[in-house]
PDB file of N, CA and C in Angstrom:
ATOM      1  N   MET A   1      35.252  36.499   4.964  1.00  0.00           N
ATOM      2  CA  MET A   1      35.846  35.625   3.977  1.00  0.00           C
ATOM      3  C   MET A   1      34.920  34.431   3.752  1.00  0.00           C
ATOM      4  N   ARG A   2      34.658  34.099   2.527  1.00  0.00           N
ATOM      5  CA  ARG A   2      33.770  32.986   2.198  1.00  0.00           C
ATOM      6  C   ARG A   2      34.575  31.714   1.997  1.00  0.00           C
ATOM      7  N   HIS A   3      33.977  30.607   2.343  1.00  0.00           N
ATOM      8  CA  HIS A   3      34.593  29.300   2.165  1.00  0.00           C
ATOM      9  C   HIS A   3      34.034  28.710   0.875  1.00  0.00           C
ATOM     10  N   CYS A   4      34.929  28.323  -0.031  1.00  0.00           N
ATOM     11  CA  CYS A   4      34.470  27.822  -1.330  1.00  0.00           C
ATOM     12  C   CYS A   4      34.012  26.363  -1.272  1.00  0.00           C
ATOM     13  N   GLY A   5      34.291  25.654  -0.187  1.00  0.00           N
ATOM     14  CA  GLY A   5      33.825  24.277  -0.062  1.00  0.00           C
ATOM     15  C   GLY A   5      34.738  23.249  -0.708  1.00  0.00           C
ATOM     16  N   LEU A   6      35.922  23.653  -1.173  1.00  0.00           N
ATOM     17  CA  LEU A   6      36.844  22.712  -1.790  1.00  0.00           C
ATOM     18  C   LEU A   6      37.972  22.410  -0.819  1.00  0.00           C
ATOM     19  N   ASN A   7      38.391  21.153  -0.770  1.00  0.00           N
ATOM     20  CA  ASN A   7      39.554  20.805   0.020  1.00  0.00           C
ATOM     21  C   ASN A   7      40.641  20.297  -0.917  1.00  0.00           C
ATOM     22  N   LEU A   8      41.817  20.004  -0.382  1.00  0.00           N
ATOM     23  CA  LEU A   8      42.932  19.574  -1.219  1.00  0.00           C
ATOM     24  C   LEU A   8      42.614  18.292  -1.978  1.00  0.00           C
ATOM     25  N   THR A   9      41.941  17.379  -1.341  1.00  0.00           N
ATOM     26  CA  THR A   9      41.604  16.115  -1.998  1.00  0.00           C
ATOM     27  C   THR A   9      40.742  16.355  -3.228  1.00  0.00           C
ATOM     28  N   THR A  10      39.765  17.223  -3.109  1.00  0.00           N
ATOM     29  CA  THR A  10      38.882  17.540  -4.232  1.00  0.00           C
ATOM     30  C   THR A  10      39.669  18.176  -5.365  1.00  0.00           C
ATOM     31  N   LEU A  11      40.570  19.087  -5.026  1.00  0.00           N
ATOM     32  CA  LEU A  11      41.359  19.765  -6.052  1.00  0.00           C
ATOM     33  C   LEU A  11      42.291  18.798  -6.771  1.00  0.00           C
ATOM     34  N   PHE A  12      42.935  17.871  -6.025  1.00  0.00           N
ATOM     35  CA  PHE A  12      43.820  16.909  -6.668  1.00  0.00           C
ATOM     36  C   PHE A  12      43.037  15.971  -7.580  1.00  0.00           C
ATOM     37  N   LYS A  13      41.862  15.521  -7.136  1.00  0.00           N
ATOM     38  CA  LYS A  13      41.040  14.636  -7.966  1.00  0.00           C
ATOM     39  C   LYS A  13      40.568  15.346  -9.226  1.00  0.00           C
ATOM     40  N   ALA A  14      40.337  16.659  -9.125  1.00  0.00           N
ATOM     41  CA  ALA A  14      39.872  17.428 -10.274  1.00  0.00           C
ATOM     42  C   ALA A  14      41.007  17.730 -11.244  1.00  0.00           C
ATOM     43  N   GLY A  15      42.247  17.453 -10.855  1.00  0.00           N
ATOM     44  CA  GLY A  15      43.380  17.683 -11.741  1.00  0.00           C
ATOM     45  C   GLY A  15      43.870  19.110 -11.754  1.00  0.00           C
ATOM     46  N   VAL A  16      43.580  19.877 -10.722  1.00  0.00           N
ATOM     47  CA  VAL A  16      43.989  21.279 -10.677  1.00  0.00           C
ATOM     48  C   VAL A  16      45.499  21.404 -10.618  1.00  0.00           C
ATOM     49  N   PHE A  17      46.175  20.470  -9.955  1.00  0.00           N
ATOM     50  CA  PHE A  17      47.611  20.578  -9.748  1.00  0.00           C
ATOM     51  C   PHE A  17      48.425  19.746 -10.731  1.00  0.00           C
ATOM     52  N   MET A  18      47.835  19.319 -11.810  1.00  0.00           N
ATOM     53  CA  MET A  18      48.560  18.514 -12.784  1.00  0.00           C
ATOM     54  C   MET A  18      49.374  19.414 -13.708  1.00  0.00           C
ATOM     55  N   SER A  19      50.518  18.912 -14.171  1.00  0.00           N
ATOM     56  CA  SER A  19      51.343  19.679 -15.091  1.00  0.00           C
ATOM     57  C   SER A  19      50.790  19.559 -16.507  1.00  0.00           C
ATOM     58  N   ASN A  20      51.210  20.458 -17.375  1.00  0.00           N
ATOM     59  CA  ASN A  20      50.766  20.429 -18.767  1.00  0.00           C
ATOM     60  C   ASN A  20      51.418  19.254 -19.490  1.00  0.00           C
ATOM     61  N   PRO A  21      50.674  18.519 -20.281  1.00  0.00           N
ATOM     62  CA  PRO A  21      51.273  17.406 -21.016  1.00  0.00           C
ATOM     63  C   PRO A  21      52.177  17.925 -22.128  1.00  0.00           C
ATOM     64  N   SER A  22      53.288  17.243 -22.349  1.00  0.00           N
ATOM     65  CA  SER A  22      54.196  17.657 -23.410  1.00  0.00           C
ATOM     66  C   SER A  22      53.760  17.029 -24.729  1.00  0.00           C
ATOM     67  N   SER A  23      54.345  17.492 -25.819  1.00  0.00           N
ATOM     68  CA  SER A  23      53.982  16.973 -27.132  1.00  0.00           C
ATOM     69  C   SER A  23      54.501  15.550 -27.329  1.00  0.00           C
ATOM     70  N   ASP A  24      55.561  15.188 -26.609  1.00  0.00           N
ATOM     71  CA  ASP A  24      56.135  13.851 -26.728  1.00  0.00           C
ATOM     72  C   ASP A  24      55.785  13.035 -25.484  1.00  0.00           C
ATOM     73  N   SER A  25      54.502  12.885 -25.211  1.00  0.00           N
ATOM     74  CA  SER A  25      54.062  12.215 -23.988  1.00  0.00           C
ATOM     75  C   SER A  25      54.222  10.698 -24.052  1.00  0.00           C
ATOM     76  N   THR A  26      54.347  10.122 -25.249  1.00  0.00           N
ATOM     77  CA  THR A  26      54.472   8.671 -25.344  1.00  0.00           C
ATOM     78  C   THR A  26      55.839   8.198 -24.869  1.00  0.00           C
ATOM     79  N   ALA A  27      56.863   9.038 -24.995  1.00  0.00           N
ATOM     80  CA  ALA A  27      58.207   8.654 -24.587  1.00  0.00           C
ATOM     81  C   ALA A  27      58.422   8.863 -23.090  1.00  0.00           C
ATOM     82  N   GLN A  28      57.577   9.652 -22.454  1.00  0.00           N
ATOM     83  CA  GLN A  28      57.743   9.941 -21.033  1.00  0.00           C
ATOM     84  C   GLN A  28      56.848   9.033 -20.202  1.00  0.00           C
ATOM     85  N   LYS A  29      57.317   8.730 -18.995  1.00  0.00           N
ATOM     86  CA  LYS A  29      56.483   7.975 -18.070  1.00  0.00           C
ATOM     87  C   LYS A  29      55.491   8.923 -17.425  1.00  0.00           C
ATOM     88  N   LYS A  30      54.344   8.406 -17.081  1.00  0.00           N
ATOM     89  CA  LYS A  30      53.332   9.213 -16.413  1.00  0.00           C
ATOM     90  C   LYS A  30      53.788   9.475 -14.980  1.00  0.00           C
ATOM     91  N   LYS A  31      53.790  10.741 -14.589  1.00  0.00           N
ATOM     92  CA  LYS A  31      54.212  11.105 -13.247  1.00  0.00           C
ATOM     93  C   LYS A  31      53.064  10.857 -12.275  1.00  0.00           C
ATOM     94  N   ILE A  32      53.384  10.246 -11.163  1.00  0.00           N
ATOM     95  CA  ILE A  32      52.397   9.959 -10.132  1.00  0.00           C
ATOM     96  C   ILE A  32      52.710  10.827  -8.927  1.00  0.00           C
ATOM     97  N   PHE A  33      51.721  11.570  -8.465  1.00  0.00           N
ATOM     98  CA  PHE A  33      51.906  12.439  -7.314  1.00  0.00           C
ATOM     99  C   PHE A  33      51.994  11.608  -6.043  1.00  0.00           C
ATOM    100  N   SER A  34      53.014  11.876  -5.258  1.00  0.00           N
ATOM    101  CA  SER A  34      53.178  11.205  -3.971  1.00  0.00           C
ATOM    102  C   SER A  34      53.603  12.253  -2.948  1.00  0.00           C
ATOM    103  N   PRO A  35      52.709  12.641  -2.044  1.00  0.00           N
ATOM    104  CA  PRO A  35      53.058  13.686  -1.084  1.00  0.00           C
ATOM    105  C   PRO A  35      54.061  13.191  -0.052  1.00  0.00           C
ATOM    106  N   LYS A  36      54.864  14.121   0.450  1.00  0.00           N
ATOM    107  CA  LYS A  36      55.773  13.789   1.539  1.00  0.00           C
ATOM    108  C   LYS A  36      54.926  13.566   2.787  1.00  0.00           C
ATOM    109  N   PRO A  37      55.317  12.623   3.630  1.00  0.00           N
ATOM    110  CA  PRO A  37      54.504  12.330   4.825  1.00  0.00           C
ATOM    111  C   PRO A  37      54.252  13.560   5.705  1.00  0.00           C
ATOM    112  N   GLU A  38      55.242  14.417   5.874  1.00  0.00           N
ATOM    113  CA  GLU A  38      55.049  15.598   6.721  1.00  0.00           C
ATOM    114  C   GLU A  38      54.022  16.546   6.095  1.00  0.00           C
ATOM    115  N   ASN A  39      54.071  16.723   4.782  1.00  0.00           N
ATOM    116  CA  ASN A  39      53.089  17.574   4.104  1.00  0.00           C
ATOM    117  C   ASN A  39      51.685  16.970   4.198  1.00  0.00           C
ATOM    118  N   TYR A  40      51.609  15.645   4.150  1.00  0.00           N
ATOM    119  CA  TYR A  40      50.320  14.961   4.257  1.00  0.00           C
ATOM    120  C   TYR A  40      49.707  15.192   5.636  1.00  0.00           C
ATOM    121  N   LYS A  41      50.543  15.138   6.683  1.00  0.00           N
ATOM    122  CA  LYS A  41      50.053  15.375   8.045  1.00  0.00           C
ATOM    123  C   LYS A  41      49.528  16.802   8.194  1.00  0.00           C
ATOM    124  N   VAL A  42      50.247  17.774   7.624  1.00  0.00           N
ATOM    125  CA  VAL A  42      49.808  19.172   7.694  1.00  0.00           C
ATOM    126  C   VAL A  42      48.482  19.336   6.962  1.00  0.00           C
ATOM    127  N   SER A  43      48.349  18.697   5.800  1.00  0.00           N
ATOM    128  CA  SER A  43      47.106  18.763   5.034  1.00  0.00           C
ATOM    129  C   SER A  43      45.938  18.197   5.838  1.00  0.00           C
ATOM    130  N   LEU A  44      46.168  17.086   6.516  1.00  0.00           N
ATOM    131  CA  LEU A  44      45.117  16.490   7.341  1.00  0.00           C
ATOM    132  C   LEU A  44      44.707  17.422   8.474  1.00  0.00           C
ATOM    133  N   LYS A  45      45.679  18.114   9.067  1.00  0.00           N
ATOM    134  CA  LYS A  45      45.370  19.039  10.163  1.00  0.00           C
ATOM    135  C   LYS A  45      44.491  20.180   9.672  1.00  0.00           C
ATOM    136  N   TYR A  46      44.737  20.669   8.451  1.00  0.00           N
ATOM    137  CA  TYR A  46      43.897  21.733   7.898  1.00  0.00           C
ATOM    138  C   TYR A  46      42.456  21.259   7.733  1.00  0.00           C
ATOM    139  N   GLU A  47      42.274  19.981   7.461  1.00  0.00           N
ATOM    140  CA  GLU A  47      40.934  19.426   7.297  1.00  0.00           C
ATOM    141  C   GLU A  47      40.348  18.936   8.618  1.00  0.00           C
ATOM    142  N   GLY A  48      41.079  19.158   9.726  1.00  0.00           N
ATOM    143  CA  GLY A  48      40.587  18.791  11.050  1.00  0.00           C
ATOM    144  C   GLY A  48      40.729  17.320  11.384  1.00  0.00           C
ATOM    145  N   MET A  49      41.677  16.637  10.753  1.00  0.00           N
ATOM    146  CA  MET A  49      41.879  15.213  11.008  1.00  0.00           C
ATOM    147  C   MET A  49      43.310  14.974  11.475  1.00  0.00           C
ATOM    148  N   LEU A  50      43.538  13.872  12.139  1.00  0.00           N
ATOM    149  CA  LEU A  50      44.866  13.465  12.585  1.00  0.00           C
ATOM    150  C   LEU A  50      45.076  11.994  12.260  1.00  0.00           C
ATOM    151  N   LEU A  51      46.354  11.610  12.082  1.00  0.00           N
ATOM    152  CA  LEU A  51      46.670  10.198  11.919  1.00  0.00           C
ATOM    153  C   LEU A  51      46.687   9.540  13.291  1.00  0.00           C
ATOM    154  N   LYS A  52      46.197   8.331  13.373  1.00  0.00           N
ATOM    155  CA  LYS A  52      46.285   7.582  14.620  1.00  0.00           C
ATOM    156  C   LYS A  52      47.748   7.201  14.840  1.00  0.00           C
ATOM    157  N   GLU A  53      48.139   7.054  16.099  1.00  0.00           N
ATOM    158  CA  GLU A  53      49.527   6.700  16.400  1.00  0.00           C
ATOM    159  C   GLU A  53      49.916   5.373  15.766  1.00  0.00           C
ATOM    160  N   GLU A  54      48.984   4.444  15.673  1.00  0.00           N
ATOM    161  CA  GLU A  54      49.288   3.141  15.075  1.00  0.00           C
ATOM    162  C   GLU A  54      49.570   3.260  13.577  1.00  0.00           C
ATOM    163  N   ASN A  55      49.062   4.309  12.930  1.00  0.00           N
ATOM    164  CA  ASN A  55      49.253   4.500  11.492  1.00  0.00           C
ATOM    165  C   ASN A  55      50.392   5.461  11.173  1.00  0.00           C
ATOM    166  N   GLU A  56      51.017   6.023  12.194  1.00  0.00           N
ATOM    167  CA  GLU A  56      51.987   7.089  11.974  1.00  0.00           C
ATOM    168  C   GLU A  56      53.204   6.638  11.175  1.00  0.00           C
ATOM    169  N   HIS A  57      53.637   5.398  11.356  1.00  0.00           N
ATOM    170  CA  HIS A  57      54.859   4.942  10.694  1.00  0.00           C
ATOM    171  C   HIS A  57      54.587   4.169   9.406  1.00  0.00           C
ATOM    172  N   ARG A  58      53.367   4.167   8.951  1.00  0.00           N
ATOM    173  CA  ARG A  58      53.028   3.481   7.702  1.00  0.00           C
ATOM    174  C   ARG A  58      53.191   4.436   6.527  1.00  0.00           C
ATOM    175  N   SER A  59      53.445   3.864   5.361  1.00  0.00           N
ATOM    176  CA  SER A  59      53.554   4.698   4.163  1.00  0.00           C
ATOM    177  C   SER A  59      52.156   5.117   3.716  1.00  0.00           C
ATOM    178  N   ILE A  60      52.104   6.126   2.891  1.00  0.00           N
ATOM    179  CA  ILE A  60      50.823   6.620   2.393  1.00  0.00           C
ATOM    180  C   ILE A  60      50.138   5.548   1.543  1.00  0.00           C
ATOM    181  N   ALA A  61      50.923   4.792   0.778  1.00  0.00           N
ATOM    182  CA  ALA A  61      50.350   3.716  -0.042  1.00  0.00           C
ATOM    183  C   ALA A  61      49.689   2.650   0.837  1.00  0.00           C
ATOM    184  N   GLU A  62      50.331   2.314   1.969  1.00  0.00           N
ATOM    185  CA  GLU A  62      49.741   1.331   2.882  1.00  0.00           C
ATOM    186  C   GLU A  62      48.438   1.850   3.479  1.00  0.00           C
ATOM    187  N   LEU A  63      48.420   3.129   3.846  1.00  0.00           N
ATOM    188  CA  LEU A  63      47.206   3.713   4.416  1.00  0.00           C
ATOM    189  C   LEU A  63      46.073   3.747   3.398  1.00  0.00           C
ATOM    190  N   LYS A  64      46.401   4.044   2.134  1.00  0.00           N
ATOM    191  CA  LYS A  64      45.372   4.057   1.089  1.00  0.00           C
ATOM    192  C   LYS A  64      44.768   2.669   0.914  1.00  0.00           C
ATOM    193  N   ARG A  65      45.621   1.626   0.934  1.00  0.00           N
ATOM    194  CA  ARG A  65      45.110   0.257   0.800  1.00  0.00           C
ATOM    195  C   ARG A  65      44.222  -0.105   1.986  1.00  0.00           C
ATOM    196  N   LYS A  66      44.630   0.309   3.189  1.00  0.00           N
ATOM    197  CA  LYS A  66      43.870  -0.040   4.386  1.00  0.00           C
ATOM    198  C   LYS A  66      42.494   0.617   4.390  1.00  0.00           C
ATOM    199  N   TYR A  67      42.430   1.882   3.982  1.00  0.00           N
ATOM    200  CA  TYR A  67      41.183   2.629   4.082  1.00  0.00           C
ATOM    201  C   TYR A  67      40.431   2.760   2.762  1.00  0.00           C
ATOM    202  N   ALA A  68      40.830   2.005   1.741  1.00  0.00           N
ATOM    203  CA  ALA A  68      40.133   2.066   0.452  1.00  0.00           C
ATOM    204  C   ALA A  68      38.715   1.545   0.607  1.00  0.00           C
ATOM    205  N   ARG A  69      37.815   2.192  -0.066  1.00  0.00           N
ATOM    206  CA  ARG A  69      36.405   1.786   0.033  1.00  0.00           C
ATOM    207  C   ARG A  69      36.005   0.982  -1.162  1.00  0.00           C
TER     208      ARG A  69
END
């Protein structure tokens, strides 16, 4: 089996998992993807990473602010 070199982060940034825009997009709010914390932990494990215990009870938004480059 070959590895394509793409991870979930790359796919989300590329817009692979985005829904199709409707014709009346001005009346709708833009949907923002927010993963469930348990799903986020599983995703990290697939990429060989773990959350530190000190970060375990923080929200994903807080973690993004802390580790933003």
